[in-house]
């Protein structure tokens, strides 16, 4: 059988399959190690009083400002897009041409 330009005999195919399983097991173990380290670091940060997760006040203010101010490329086009963004308006009622 030819695989990736190499002639492989059945013994080599079996050894490559076994090697792939070993690599997969090592990758799974490394994933578990990374997860354990991350959880320990988060637990230590929380014990130090660090605020974890969620949006902070600054981020919330920035997000609100972004939502209220249209992007520069859309400024002045509200008269064109307003009919298309009316909540609850069926698609059949949109001005399409």
Protein backbone atom coordinates (compact mmCIF):
# COMPACT_ATOMS: atom_id res chain seq x y z
CA UNK A 1 0.00 0.00 0.00
CA UNK A 2 1.26 3.49 -0.81
CA UNK A 3 0.69 6.22 1.77
CA UNK A 4 2.14 9.72 1.45
CA UNK A 5 4.55 8.54 -1.25
CA UNK A 6 6.06 5.77 0.88
CA UNK A 7 5.67 2.04 0.46
CA UNK A 8 4.49 0.73 3.80
CA UNK A 9 4.33 -2.88 4.77
CA UNK A 10 1.60 -4.03 7.16
CA UNK A 11 3.99 -4.10 10.14
CA UNK A 12 4.86 -0.44 9.61
CA UNK A 13 1.19 0.45 9.29
CA UNK A 14 0.44 -1.25 12.63
CA UNK A 15 3.38 0.43 14.34
CA UNK A 16 2.32 3.84 12.99
CA UNK A 17 -1.23 3.27 14.26
CA UNK A 18 0.14 2.31 17.68
CA UNK A 19 2.39 5.39 17.68
CA UNK A 20 -0.60 7.61 16.85
CA UNK A 21 -2.45 6.14 19.85
CA UNK A 22 0.54 6.88 22.09
CA UNK A 23 0.68 10.47 20.81
CA UNK A 24 -3.06 10.83 21.40
CA UNK A 25 -2.71 9.54 24.96
CA UNK A 26 0.19 11.94 25.63
CA UNK A 27 -1.81 14.86 24.21
CA UNK A 28 -4.78 13.97 26.42
CA UNK A 29 -2.53 13.80 29.47
CA UNK A 30 -0.96 17.17 28.62
CA UNK A 31 -4.44 18.65 28.24
CA UNK A 32 -5.29 17.41 31.74
CA UNK A 33 -2.05 18.92 33.12
CA UNK A 34 -2.82 22.28 31.51
CA UNK A 35 -6.36 22.21 32.90
CA UNK A 36 -5.11 21.41 36.41
CA UNK A 37 -2.52 24.22 36.27
CA UNK A 38 -5.13 26.70 35.03
CA UNK A 39 -7.60 25.75 37.74
CA UNK A 40 -4.91 26.04 40.43
CA UNK A 41 -3.86 29.48 39.15
CA UNK A 42 -7.48 30.70 39.11
CA UNK A 43 -8.02 29.37 42.63
CA UNK A 44 -4.88 31.14 43.87
CA UNK A 45 -5.90 34.40 42.17
CA UNK A 46 -9.34 34.18 43.73
CA UNK A 47 -7.77 33.56 47.16
CA UNK A 48 -5.74 36.78 46.68
CA UNK A 49 -8.99 38.66 46.11
CA UNK A 50 -8.65 39.09 42.36
CA UNK A 51 -11.96 39.67 40.56
CA UNK A 52 -12.41 36.88 38.02
CA UNK A 53 -14.69 36.62 35.00
CA UNK A 54 -17.54 38.79 33.89
CA UNK A 55 -17.51 42.28 32.42
CA UNK A 56 -15.98 45.13 34.35
CA UNK A 57 -17.48 48.62 34.59
CA UNK A 58 -15.07 50.08 32.02
CA UNK A 59 -15.86 47.33 29.54
CA UNK A 60 -19.59 47.76 30.07
CA UNK A 61 -19.37 51.53 29.46
CA UNK A 62 -17.30 51.00 26.31
CA UNK A 63 -19.72 48.37 24.97
CA UNK A 64 -22.69 50.64 25.64
CA UNK A 65 -20.99 53.56 23.86
CA UNK A 66 -20.15 51.37 20.87
CA UNK A 67 -23.73 50.14 20.61
CA UNK A 68 -25.14 53.67 20.74
CA UNK A 69 -22.77 55.19 18.20
CA UNK A 70 -22.93 53.71 14.70
CA UNK A 71 -19.67 52.94 12.91
CA UNK A 72 -18.27 55.79 10.81
CA UNK A 73 -19.06 53.96 7.57
CA UNK A 74 -22.76 53.83 8.51
CA UNK A 75 -23.21 57.39 9.76
CA UNK A 76 -25.71 59.25 7.63
CA UNK A 77 -27.19 56.08 6.19
CA UNK A 78 -29.83 55.65 8.90
CA UNK A 79 -32.56 56.93 6.59
CA UNK A 80 -31.73 54.07 4.25
CA UNK A 81 -31.29 51.32 6.81
CA UNK A 82 -34.01 52.27 9.29
CA UNK A 83 -36.80 50.49 7.38
CA UNK A 84 -34.70 47.32 7.34
CA UNK A 85 -33.94 47.10 11.04
CA UNK A 86 -37.39 47.50 12.53
CA UNK A 87 -37.76 44.70 15.11
CA UNK A 88 -40.55 42.28 14.44
CA UNK A 89 -41.06 43.39 10.86
CA UNK A 90 -41.64 40.47 8.51
CA UNK A 91 -39.22 40.00 5.63
CA UNK A 92 -42.04 40.39 3.12
CA UNK A 93 -42.63 43.99 4.28
CA UNK A 94 -39.05 45.16 3.73
CA UNK A 95 -38.42 47.55 0.85
CA UNK A 96 -36.38 45.46 -1.55
CA UNK A 97 -36.12 47.59 -4.58
